[in-house]
């Protein structure tokens, strides 16, 4: 077996073990437990960092979209999310539509 294949198998096994440990641990905790609050905060911070990175320094196809269009899409998406009682799919569609409209105008 090649070393790269062994490394891939060990990495997959470690990821599976960590997921199983997380499910086992989370099954015994209540929703207001400090560990759950910490995990929620870390997940939200990570998502905020990814969104910020996609707006400020995008890669790939998004890099061709002007900053003004990306900011307009973000603003409309956030406003739609707040206006629609935090329904994410319609807010996402509204933000993408706004970004495309502003991009077409530029």
PDB file of N, CA and C in Angstrom:
ATOM      1  N   UNK A   1       0.852  -1.174   0.000  1.00  0.00           N
ATOM      2  CA  UNK A   1       0.000   0.000   0.000  1.00  0.00           C
ATOM      3  C   UNK A   1       0.901   1.241   0.000  1.00  0.00           C
ATOM      4  N   UNK A   2       0.570   2.185  -0.836  1.00  0.00           N
ATOM      5  CA  UNK A   2       1.357   3.407  -0.944  1.00  0.00           C
ATOM      6  C   UNK A   2       1.161   4.268   0.305  1.00  0.00           C
ATOM      7  N   UNK A   3       2.179   5.031   0.700  1.00  0.00           N
ATOM      8  CA  UNK A   3       2.054   5.891   1.884  1.00  0.00           C
ATOM      9  C   UNK A   3       0.903   6.888   1.776  1.00  0.00           C
ATOM     10  N   UNK A   4       0.639   7.390   0.575  1.00  0.00           N
ATOM     11  CA  UNK A   4      -0.459   8.339   0.403  1.00  0.00           C
ATOM     12  C   UNK A   4      -1.805   7.667   0.657  1.00  0.00           C
ATOM     13  N   UNK A   5      -1.952   6.426   0.223  1.00  0.00           N
ATOM     14  CA  UNK A   5      -3.194   5.693   0.462  1.00  0.00           C
ATOM     15  C   UNK A   5      -3.390   5.427   1.945  1.00  0.00           C
ATOM     16  N   UNK A   6      -2.315   5.052   2.628  1.00  0.00           N
ATOM     17  CA  UNK A   6      -2.386   4.815   4.064  1.00  0.00           C
ATOM     18  C   UNK A   6      -2.756   6.095   4.806  1.00  0.00           C
ATOM     19  N   UNK A   7      -2.171   7.213   4.403  1.00  0.00           N
ATOM     20  CA  UNK A   7      -2.479   8.495   5.032  1.00  0.00           C
ATOM     21  C   UNK A   7      -3.945   8.863   4.823  1.00  0.00           C
ATOM     22  N   UNK A   8      -4.462   8.604   3.635  1.00  0.00           N
ATOM     23  CA  UNK A   8      -5.863   8.892   3.344  1.00  0.00           C
ATOM     24  C   UNK A   8      -6.791   8.023   4.185  1.00  0.00           C
ATOM     25  N   UNK A   9      -6.481   6.750   4.313  1.00  0.00           N
ATOM     26  CA  UNK A   9      -7.300   5.837   5.121  1.00  0.00           C
ATOM     27  C   UNK A   9      -7.269   6.241   6.591  1.00  0.00           C
ATOM     28  N   UNK A  10      -6.091   6.580   7.101  1.00  0.00           N
ATOM     29  CA  UNK A  10      -5.983   7.001   8.505  1.00  0.00           C
ATOM     30  C   UNK A  10      -6.721   8.316   8.755  1.00  0.00           C
ATOM     31  N   UNK A  11      -6.646   9.234   7.817  1.00  0.00           N
ATOM     32  CA  UNK A  11      -7.366  10.499   7.955  1.00  0.00           C
ATOM     33  C   UNK A  11      -8.871  10.277   7.955  1.00  0.00           C
ATOM     34  N   UNK A  12      -9.359   9.431   7.060  1.00  0.00           N
ATOM     35  CA  UNK A  12     -10.789   9.126   7.014  1.00  0.00           C
ATOM     36  C   UNK A  12     -11.241   8.448   8.302  1.00  0.00           C
ATOM     37  N   UNK A  13     -10.430   7.528   8.824  1.00  0.00           N
ATOM     38  CA  UNK A  13     -10.775   6.849  10.076  1.00  0.00           C
ATOM     39  C   UNK A  13     -10.795   7.828  11.244  1.00  0.00           C
ATOM     40  N   UNK A  14      -9.842   8.748  11.280  1.00  0.00           N
ATOM     41  CA  UNK A  14      -9.811   9.740  12.359  1.00  0.00           C
ATOM     42  C   UNK A  14     -11.023  10.661  12.284  1.00  0.00           C
ATOM     43  N   UNK A  15     -11.401  11.081  11.082  1.00  0.00           N
ATOM     44  CA  UNK A  15     -12.584  11.934  10.919  1.00  0.00           C
ATOM     45  C   UNK A  15     -13.850  11.207  11.357  1.00  0.00           C
ATOM     46  N   UNK A  16     -13.968   9.951  10.988  1.00  0.00           N
ATOM     47  CA  UNK A  16     -15.131   9.166  11.395  1.00  0.00           C
ATOM     48  C   UNK A  16     -15.174   9.011  12.909  1.00  0.00           C
ATOM     49  N   UNK A  17     -14.035   8.745  13.523  1.00  0.00           N
ATOM     50  CA  UNK A  17     -13.978   8.603  14.981  1.00  0.00           C
ATOM     51  C   UNK A  17     -14.361   9.905  15.677  1.00  0.00           C
ATOM     52  N   UNK A  18     -13.891  11.034  15.164  1.00  0.00           N
ATOM     53  CA  UNK A  18     -14.247  12.321  15.762  1.00  0.00           C
ATOM     54  C   UNK A  18     -15.730  12.614  15.609  1.00  0.00           C
ATOM     55  N   UNK A  19     -16.291  12.290  14.460  1.00  0.00           N
ATOM     56  CA  UNK A  19     -17.738  12.498  14.276  1.00  0.00           C
ATOM     57  C   UNK A  19     -18.549  11.626  15.241  1.00  0.00           C
ATOM     58  N   UNK A  20     -18.163  10.368  15.374  1.00  0.00           N
ATOM     59  CA  UNK A  20     -18.873   9.477  16.291  1.00  0.00           C
ATOM     60  C   UNK A  20     -18.750   9.965  17.736  1.00  0.00           C
ATOM     61  N   UNK A  21     -17.565  10.436  18.110  1.00  0.00           N
ATOM     62  CA  UNK A  21     -17.377  10.970  19.461  1.00  0.00           C
ATOM     63  C   UNK A  21     -18.232  12.214  19.674  1.00  0.00           C
ATOM     64  N   UNK A  22     -18.340  13.054  18.659  1.00  0.00           N
ATOM     65  CA  UNK A  22     -19.181  14.246  18.766  1.00  0.00           C
ATOM     66  C   UNK A  22     -20.652  13.917  18.914  1.00  0.00           C
ATOM     67  N   UNK A  23     -21.114  12.942  18.146  1.00  0.00           N
ATOM     68  CA  UNK A  23     -22.515  12.521  18.258  1.00  0.00           C
ATOM     69  C   UNK A  23     -22.781  11.915  19.633  1.00  0.00           C
ATOM     70  N   UNK A  24     -21.854  11.112  20.105  1.00  0.00           N
ATOM     71  CA  UNK A  24     -22.011  10.488  21.428  1.00  0.00           C
ATOM     72  C   UNK A  24     -22.027  11.552  22.522  1.00  0.00           C
ATOM     73  N   UNK A  25     -21.128  12.511  22.445  1.00  0.00           N
ATOM     74  CA  UNK A  25     -21.055  13.570  23.452  1.00  0.00           C
ATOM     75  C   UNK A  25     -22.287  14.462  23.395  1.00  0.00           C
ATOM     76  N   UNK A  26     -22.694  14.867  22.206  1.00  0.00           N
ATOM     77  CA  UNK A  26     -23.838  15.764  22.066  1.00  0.00           C
ATOM     78  C   UNK A  26     -25.137  15.103  22.501  1.00  0.00           C
ATOM     79  N   UNK A  27     -25.219  13.778  22.398  1.00  0.00           N
ATOM     80  CA  UNK A  27     -26.434  13.086  22.805  1.00  0.00           C
ATOM     81  C   UNK A  27     -26.709  13.203  24.289  1.00  0.00           C
ATOM     82  N   UNK A  28     -25.690  13.430  25.086  1.00  0.00           N
ATOM     83  CA  UNK A  28     -25.875  13.532  26.532  1.00  0.00           C
ATOM     84  C   UNK A  28     -25.970  14.947  27.055  1.00  0.00           C
ATOM     85  N   UNK A  29     -25.926  15.946  26.163  1.00  0.00           N
ATOM     86  CA  UNK A  29     -25.949  17.336  26.603  1.00  0.00           C
ATOM     87  C   UNK A  29     -27.286  17.984  26.288  1.00  0.00           C
ATOM     88  N   UNK A  30     -27.671  18.930  27.123  1.00  0.00           N
ATOM     89  CA  UNK A  30     -28.891  19.693  26.862  1.00  0.00           C
ATOM     90  C   UNK A  30     -28.552  20.851  25.934  1.00  0.00           C
ATOM     91  N   UNK A  31     -29.574  21.461  25.380  1.00  0.00           N
ATOM     92  CA  UNK A  31     -29.352  22.549  24.423  1.00  0.00           C
ATOM     93  C   UNK A  31     -28.773  23.798  25.079  1.00  0.00           C
ATOM     94  N   UNK A  32     -28.923  23.946  26.393  1.00  0.00           N
ATOM     95  CA  UNK A  32     -28.377  25.125  27.066  1.00  0.00           C
ATOM     96  C   UNK A  32     -27.045  24.845  27.764  1.00  0.00           C
ATOM     97  N   UNK A  33     -26.426  23.722  27.459  1.00  0.00           N
ATOM     98  CA  UNK A  33     -25.129  23.374  28.050  1.00  0.00           C
ATOM     99  C   UNK A  33     -24.047  24.308  27.495  1.00  0.00           C
ATOM    100  N   UNK A  34     -23.071  24.695  28.311  1.00  0.00           N
ATOM    101  CA  UNK A  34     -22.013  25.605  27.840  1.00  0.00           C
ATOM    102  C   UNK A  34     -21.209  25.070  26.647  1.00  0.00           C
ATOM    103  N   UNK A  35     -21.023  23.782  26.553  1.00  0.00           N
ATOM    104  CA  UNK A  35     -20.289  23.215  25.418  1.00  0.00           C
ATOM    105  C   UNK A  35     -21.069  23.426  24.121  1.00  0.00           C
ATOM    106  N   UNK A  36     -22.379  23.263  24.174  1.00  0.00           N
ATOM    107  CA  UNK A  36     -23.216  23.484  22.994  1.00  0.00           C
ATOM    108  C   UNK A  36     -23.203  24.960  22.624  1.00  0.00           C
ATOM    109  N   UNK A  37     -23.262  25.847  23.623  1.00  0.00           N
ATOM    110  CA  UNK A  37     -23.186  27.286  23.355  1.00  0.00           C
ATOM    111  C   UNK A  37     -21.848  27.647  22.712  1.00  0.00           C
ATOM    112  N   UNK A  38     -20.763  27.053  23.205  1.00  0.00           N
ATOM    113  CA  UNK A  38     -19.443  27.309  22.630  1.00  0.00           C
ATOM    114  C   UNK A  38     -19.380  26.824  21.185  1.00  0.00           C
ATOM    115  N   UNK A  39     -19.874  25.626  20.925  1.00  0.00           N
ATOM    116  CA  UNK A  39     -19.849  25.074  19.567  1.00  0.00           C
ATOM    117  C   UNK A  39     -20.689  25.936  18.621  1.00  0.00           C
ATOM    118  N   UNK A  40     -21.812  26.434  19.097  1.00  0.00           N
ATOM    119  CA  UNK A  40     -22.649  27.317  18.286  1.00  0.00           C
ATOM    120  C   UNK A  40     -21.912  28.610  17.958  1.00  0.00           C
ATOM    121  N   UNK A  41     -21.241  29.174  18.952  1.00  0.00           N
ATOM    122  CA  UNK A  41     -20.490  30.415  18.727  1.00  0.00           C
ATOM    123  C   UNK A  41     -19.350  30.202  17.735  1.00  0.00           C
ATOM    124  N   UNK A  42     -18.651  29.091  17.846  1.00  0.00           N
ATOM    125  CA  UNK A  42     -17.551  28.798  16.920  1.00  0.00           C
ATOM    126  C   UNK A  42     -18.091  28.604  15.507  1.00  0.00           C
ATOM    127  N   UNK A  43     -19.206  27.904  15.370  1.00  0.00           N
ATOM    128  CA  UNK A  43     -19.793  27.684  14.044  1.00  0.00           C
ATOM    129  C   UNK A  43     -20.232  29.007  13.416  1.00  0.00           C
ATOM    130  N   UNK A  44     -20.857  29.885  14.195  1.00  0.00           N
ATOM    131  CA  UNK A  44     -21.288  31.180  13.669  1.00  0.00           C
ATOM    132  C   UNK A  44     -20.097  32.054  13.294  1.00  0.00           C
ATOM    133  N   UNK A  45     -19.040  32.024  14.095  1.00  0.00           N
ATOM    134  CA  UNK A  45     -17.848  32.815  13.791  1.00  0.00           C
ATOM    135  C   UNK A  45     -17.172  32.311  12.523  1.00  0.00           C
ATOM    136  N   UNK A  46     -17.128  31.004  12.346  1.00  0.00           N
ATOM    137  CA  UNK A  46     -16.532  30.431  11.143  1.00  0.00           C
ATOM    138  C   UNK A  46     -17.331  30.820   9.907  1.00  0.00           C
ATOM    139  N   UNK A  47     -18.640  30.742   9.996  1.00  0.00           N
ATOM    140  CA  UNK A  47     -19.490  31.124   8.873  1.00  0.00           C
ATOM    141  C   UNK A  47     -19.325  32.607   8.554  1.00  0.00           C
ATOM    142  N   UNK A  48     -19.264  33.450   9.581  1.00  0.00           N
ATOM    143  CA  UNK A  48     -19.063  34.883   9.361  1.00  0.00           C
ATOM    144  C   UNK A  48     -17.723  35.150   8.682  1.00  0.00           C
ATOM    145  N   UNK A  49     -16.697  34.410   9.069  1.00  0.00           N
ATOM    146  CA  UNK A  49     -15.382  34.583   8.445  1.00  0.00           C
ATOM    147  C   UNK A  49     -15.417  34.182   6.973  1.00  0.00           C
ATOM    148  N   UNK A  50     -16.094  33.087   6.645  1.00  0.00           N
ATOM    149  CA  UNK A  50     -16.187  32.650   5.254  1.00  0.00           C
ATOM    150  C   UNK A  50     -16.969  33.654   4.403  1.00  0.00           C
ATOM    151  N   UNK A  51     -18.060  34.193   4.951  1.00  0.00           N
ATOM    152  CA  UNK A  51     -18.846  35.187   4.209  1.00  0.00           C
ATOM    153  C   UNK A  51     -18.022  36.451   3.989  1.00  0.00           C
ATOM    154  N   UNK A  52     -17.319  36.894   5.031  1.00  0.00           N
ATOM    155  CA  UNK A  52     -16.474  38.080   4.900  1.00  0.00           C
ATOM    156  C   UNK A  52     -15.388  37.869   3.859  1.00  0.00           C
ATOM    157  N   UNK A  53     -14.769  36.715   3.891  1.00  0.00           N
ATOM    158  CA  UNK A  53     -13.728  36.402   2.909  1.00  0.00           C
ATOM    159  C   UNK A  53     -14.296  36.364   1.494  1.00  0.00           C
ATOM    160  N   UNK A  54     -15.493  35.827   1.326  1.00  0.00           N
ATOM    161  CA  UNK A  54     -16.113  35.767   0.004  1.00  0.00           C
ATOM    162  C   UNK A  54     -16.478  37.155  -0.515  1.00  0.00           C
ATOM    163  N   UNK A  55     -16.803  38.078   0.384  1.00  0.00           N
ATOM    164  CA  UNK A  55     -17.147  39.438  -0.027  1.00  0.00           C
ATOM    165  C   UNK A  55     -15.894  40.257  -0.315  1.00  0.00           C
ATOM    166  N   UNK A  56     -14.928  40.208   0.586  1.00  0.00           N
ATOM    167  CA  UNK A  56     -13.756  41.075   0.498  1.00  0.00           C
ATOM    168  C   UNK A  56     -12.699  40.547  -0.470  1.00  0.00           C
ATOM    169  N   UNK A  57     -12.412  39.266  -0.417  1.00  0.00           N
ATOM    170  CA  UNK A  57     -11.348  38.688  -1.249  1.00  0.00           C
ATOM    171  C   UNK A  57     -11.820  37.378  -1.869  1.00  0.00           C
ATOM    172  N   UNK A  58     -12.753  37.450  -2.807  1.00  0.00           N
ATOM    173  CA  UNK A  58     -13.305  36.218  -3.384  1.00  0.00           C
ATOM    174  C   UNK A  58     -12.307  35.519  -4.300  1.00  0.00           C
ATOM    175  N   UNK A  59     -12.560  34.249  -4.506  1.00  0.00           N
ATOM    176  CA  UNK A  59     -11.750  33.453  -5.426  1.00  0.00           C
ATOM    177  C   UNK A  59     -12.676  32.847  -6.468  1.00  0.00           C
ATOM    178  N   UNK A  60     -12.103  32.414  -7.549  1.00  0.00           N
ATOM    179  CA  UNK A  60     -12.878  31.739  -8.582  1.00  0.00           C
ATOM    180  C   UNK A  60     -13.783  32.687  -9.349  1.00  0.00           C
ATOM    181  N   UNK A  61     -14.961  32.201  -9.696  1.00  0.00           N
ATOM    182  CA  UNK A  61     -15.892  32.982 -10.515  1.00  0.00           C
ATOM    183  C   UNK A  61     -16.400  34.218  -9.786  1.00  0.00           C
ATOM    184  N   UNK A  62     -16.496  34.161  -8.474  1.00  0.00           N
ATOM    185  CA  UNK A  62     -16.986  35.312  -7.711  1.00  0.00           C
ATOM    186  C   UNK A  62     -16.018  36.488  -7.776  1.00  0.00           C
ATOM    187  N   UNK A  63     -14.755  36.236  -8.061  1.00  0.00           N
ATOM    188  CA  UNK A  63     -13.766  37.306  -8.162  1.00  0.00           C
ATOM    189  C   UNK A  63     -14.055  38.231  -9.339  1.00  0.00           C
ATOM    190  N   UNK A  64     -14.798  37.762 -10.325  1.00  0.00           N
ATOM    191  CA  UNK A  64     -15.139  38.582 -11.480  1.00  0.00           C
ATOM    192  C   UNK A  64     -16.324  39.499 -11.218  1.00  0.00           C
ATOM    193  N   UNK A  65     -17.030  39.289 -10.118  1.00  0.00           N
ATOM    194  CA  UNK A  65     -18.174  40.126  -9.775  1.00  0.00           C
ATOM    195  C   UNK A  65     -17.645  41.358  -9.032  1.00  0.00           C
ATOM    196  N   UNK A  66     -18.066  42.559  -9.449  1.00  0.00           N
ATOM    197  CA  UNK A  66     -17.579  43.774  -8.781  1.00  0.00           C
ATOM    198  C   UNK A  66     -17.973  43.823  -7.299  1.00  0.00           C
ATOM    199  N   UNK A  67     -17.148  44.507  -6.518  1.00  0.00           N
ATOM    200  CA  UNK A  67     -17.391  44.622  -5.084  1.00  0.00           C
ATOM    201  C   UNK A  67     -18.757  45.243  -4.803  1.00  0.00           C
ATOM    202  N   UNK A  68     -19.151  46.246  -5.580  1.00  0.00           N
ATOM    203  CA  UNK A  68     -20.447  46.894  -5.366  1.00  0.00           C
ATOM    204  C   UNK A  68     -21.595  45.891  -5.510  1.00  0.00           C
ATOM    205  N   UNK A  69     -21.502  45.002  -6.462  1.00  0.00           N
ATOM    206  CA  UNK A  69     -22.555  43.994  -6.660  1.00  0.00           C
ATOM    207  C   UNK A  69     -22.570  43.007  -5.502  1.00  0.00           C
ATOM    208  N   UNK A  70     -21.392  42.602  -5.023  1.00  0.00           N
ATOM    209  CA  UNK A  70     -21.333  41.670  -3.885  1.00  0.00           C
ATOM    210  C   UNK A  70     -21.909  42.312  -2.631  1.00  0.00           C
ATOM    211  N   UNK A  71     -21.575  43.591  -2.402  1.00  0.00           N
ATOM    212  CA  UNK A  71     -22.103  44.292  -1.224  1.00  0.00           C
ATOM    213  C   UNK A  71     -23.609  44.503  -1.322  1.00  0.00           C
ATOM    214  N   UNK A  72     -24.098  44.806  -2.522  1.00  0.00           N
ATOM    215  CA  UNK A  72     -25.550  44.965  -2.710  1.00  0.00           C
ATOM    216  C   UNK A  72     -26.279  43.653  -2.446  1.00  0.00           C
ATOM    217  N   UNK A  73     -25.734  42.566  -2.951  1.00  0.00           N
ATOM    218  CA  UNK A  73     -26.338  41.258  -2.697  1.00  0.00           C
ATOM    219  C   UNK A  73     -26.358  40.920  -1.218  1.00  0.00           C
ATOM    220  N   UNK A  74     -25.266  41.230  -0.525  1.00  0.00           N
ATOM    221  CA  UNK A  74     -25.218  40.989   0.919  1.00  0.00           C
ATOM    222  C   UNK A  74     -26.258  41.825   1.650  1.00  0.00           C
ATOM    223  N   UNK A  75     -26.355  43.102   1.317  1.00  0.00           N
ATOM    224  CA  UNK A  75     -27.302  43.994   1.995  1.00  0.00           C
ATOM    225  C   UNK A  75     -28.745  43.551   1.764  1.00  0.00           C
ATOM    226  N   UNK A  76     -29.071  43.236   0.537  1.00  0.00           N
ATOM    227  CA  UNK A  76     -30.445  42.795   0.234  1.00  0.00           C
ATOM    228  C   UNK A  76     -30.733  41.456   0.889  1.00  0.00           C
ATOM    229  N   UNK A  77     -29.777  40.559   0.882  1.00  0.00           N
ATOM    230  CA  UNK A  77     -29.971  39.255   1.522  1.00  0.00           C
ATOM    231  C   UNK A  77     -30.196  39.364   3.014  1.00  0.00           C
ATOM    232  N   UNK A  78     -29.410  40.190   3.686  1.00  0.00           N
ATOM    233  CA  UNK A  78     -29.587  40.380   5.137  1.00  0.00           C
ATOM    234  C   UNK A  78     -30.928  41.042   5.422  1.00  0.00           C
ATOM    235  N   UNK A  79     -31.274  42.071   4.643  1.00  0.00           N
ATOM    236  CA  UNK A  79     -32.563  42.747   4.851  1.00  0.00           C
ATOM    237  C   UNK A  79     -33.728  41.785   4.618  1.00  0.00           C
ATOM    238  N   UNK A  80     -33.629  40.972   3.580  1.00  0.00           N
ATOM    239  CA  UNK A  80     -34.700  40.002   3.305  1.00  0.00           C
ATOM    240  C   UNK A  80     -34.786  38.964   4.408  1.00  0.00           C
ATOM    241  N   UNK A  81     -33.655  38.547   4.928  1.00  0.00           N
ATOM    242  CA  UNK A  81     -33.648  37.555   6.012  1.00  0.00           C
ATOM    243  C   UNK A  81     -34.340  38.115   7.255  1.00  0.00           C
ATOM    244  N   UNK A  82     -34.047  39.359   7.575  1.00  0.00           N
ATOM    245  CA  UNK A  82     -34.675  39.981   8.751  1.00  0.00           C
ATOM    246  C   UNK A  82     -36.162  40.245   8.515  1.00  0.00           C
ATOM    247  N   UNK A  83     -36.520  40.621   7.286  1.00  0.00           N
ATOM    248  CA  UNK A  83     -37.918  40.926   6.978  1.00  0.00           C
ATOM    249  C   UNK A  83     -38.783  39.675   6.909  1.00  0.00           C
ATOM    250  N   UNK A  84     -38.185  38.537   6.555  1.00  0.00           N
ATOM    251  CA  UNK A  84     -38.951  37.307   6.374  1.00  0.00           C
ATOM    252  C   UNK A  84     -38.813  36.361   7.560  1.00  0.00           C
ATOM    253  N   UNK A  85     -38.631  36.897   8.724  1.00  0.00           N
ATOM    254  CA  UNK A  85     -38.517  36.091   9.957  1.00  0.00           C
ATOM    255  C   UNK A  85     -37.458  35.013   9.841  1.00  0.00           C
ATOM    256  N   UNK A  86     -36.293  35.391   9.335  1.00  0.00           N
ATOM    257  CA  UNK A  86     -35.106  34.536   9.247  1.00  0.00           C
ATOM    258  C   UNK A  86     -35.281  33.313   8.345  1.00  0.00           C
ATOM    259  N   UNK A  87     -36.094  33.444   7.320  1.00  0.00           N
ATOM    260  CA  UNK A  87     -36.204  32.365   6.327  1.00  0.00           C
ATOM    261  C   UNK A  87     -35.041  32.524   5.361  1.00  0.00           C
ATOM    262  N   UNK A  88     -34.140  31.544   5.337  1.00  0.00           N
ATOM    263  CA  UNK A  88     -32.879  31.696   4.642  1.00  0.00           C
ATOM    264  C   UNK A  88     -32.962  31.526   3.128  1.00  0.00           C
ATOM    265  N   UNK A  89     -33.746  30.588   2.643  1.00  0.00           N
ATOM    266  CA  UNK A  89     -33.794  30.346   1.201  1.00  0.00           C
ATOM    267  C   UNK A  89     -34.320  31.554   0.428  1.00  0.00           C
ATOM    268  N   UNK A  90     -35.453  32.158   0.826  1.00  0.00           N
ATOM    269  CA  UNK A  90     -35.895  33.358   0.094  1.00  0.00           C
ATOM    270  C   UNK A  90     -34.881  34.511   0.209  1.00  0.00           C
ATOM    271  N   UNK A  91     -34.225  34.626   1.360  1.00  0.00           N
ATOM    272  CA  UNK A  91     -33.222  35.673   1.524  1.00  0.00           C
ATOM    273  C   UNK A  91     -32.032  35.428   0.602  1.00  0.00           C
ATOM    274  N   UNK A  92     -31.627  34.184   0.460  1.00  0.00           N
ATOM    275  CA  UNK A  92     -30.528  33.846  -0.437  1.00  0.00           C
ATOM    276  C   UNK A  92     -30.885  34.174  -1.884  1.00  0.00           C
ATOM    277  N   UNK A  93     -32.088  33.821  -2.284  1.00  0.00           N
ATOM    278  CA  UNK A  93     -32.538  34.104  -3.652  1.00  0.00           C
ATOM    279  C   UNK A  93     -32.602  35.614  -3.892  1.00  0.00           C
ATOM    280  N   UNK A  94     -33.109  36.371  -2.921  1.00  0.00           N
ATOM    281  CA  UNK A  94     -33.184  37.826  -3.056  1.00  0.00           C
ATOM    282  C   UNK A  94     -31.795  38.440  -3.153  1.00  0.00           C
ATOM    283  N   UNK A  95     -30.860  37.975  -2.328  1.00  0.00           N
ATOM    284  CA  UNK A  95     -29.500  38.490  -2.377  1.00  0.00           C
ATOM    285  C   UNK A  95     -28.807  38.186  -3.686  1.00  0.00           C
ATOM    286  N   UNK A  96     -28.976  36.957  -4.183  1.00  0.00           N
ATOM    287  CA  UNK A  96     -28.376  36.595  -5.471  1.00  0.00           C
ATOM    288  C   UNK A  96     -28.989  37.405  -6.611  1.00  0.00           C
ATOM    289  N   UNK A  97     -30.298  37.600  -6.565  1.00  0.00           N
ATOM    290  CA  UNK A  97     -30.956  38.396  -7.609  1.00  0.00           C
ATOM    291  C   UNK A  97     -30.449  39.836  -7.586  1.00  0.00           C
ATOM    292  N   UNK A  98     -30.317  40.406  -6.397  1.00  0.00           N
ATOM    293  CA  UNK A  98     -29.805  41.776  -6.291  1.00  0.00           C
ATOM    294  C   UNK A  98     -28.378  41.873  -6.814  1.00  0.00           C
ATOM    295  N   UNK A  99     -27.560  40.891  -6.502  1.00  0.00           N
ATOM    296  CA  UNK A  99     -26.180  40.900  -6.976  1.00  0.00           C
ATOM    297  C   UNK A  99     -26.141  40.838  -8.502  1.00  0.00           C
ATOM    298  N   UNK A 100     -26.981  40.005  -9.091  1.00  0.00           N
ATOM    299  CA  UNK A 100     -27.006  39.895 -10.547  1.00  0.00           C
ATOM    300  C   UNK A 100     -27.518  41.165 -11.213  1.00  0.00           C
ATOM    301  N   UNK A 101     -28.512  41.795 -10.601  1.00  0.00           N
ATOM    302  CA  UNK A 101     -29.052  43.046 -11.169  1.00  0.00           C
ATOM    303  C   UNK A 101     -27.991  44.141 -11.125  1.00  0.00           C
ATOM    304  N   UNK A 102     -27.329  44.299  -9.986  1.00  0.00           N
ATOM    305  CA  UNK A 102     -26.304  45.338  -9.870  1.00  0.00           C
ATOM    306  C   UNK A 102     -25.131  45.025 -10.793  1.00  0.00           C
ATOM    307  N   UNK A 103     -24.770  43.769 -10.911  1.00  0.00           N
ATOM    308  CA  UNK A 103     -23.672  43.402 -11.808  1.00  0.00           C
ATOM    309  C   UNK A 103     -24.027  43.732 -13.267  1.00  0.00           C
ATOM    310  N   UNK A 104     -25.276  43.501 -13.651  1.00  0.00           N
ATOM    311  CA  UNK A 104     -25.713  43.791 -15.014  1.00  0.00           C
ATOM    312  C   UNK A 104     -25.713  45.300 -15.287  1.00  0.00           C
ATOM    313  N   UNK A 105     -25.963  46.091 -14.255  1.00  0.00           N
ATOM    314  CA  UNK A 105     -26.015  47.545 -14.409  1.00  0.00           C
ATOM    315  C   UNK A 105     -24.615  48.166 -14.503  1.00  0.00           C
ATOM    316  N   UNK A 106     -23.613  47.478 -13.942  1.00  0.00           N
ATOM    317  CA  UNK A 106     -22.246  48.030 -13.939  1.00  0.00           C
ATOM    318  C   UNK A 106     -21.525  47.757 -15.219  1.00  0.00           C
TER     319      UNK A 106
END
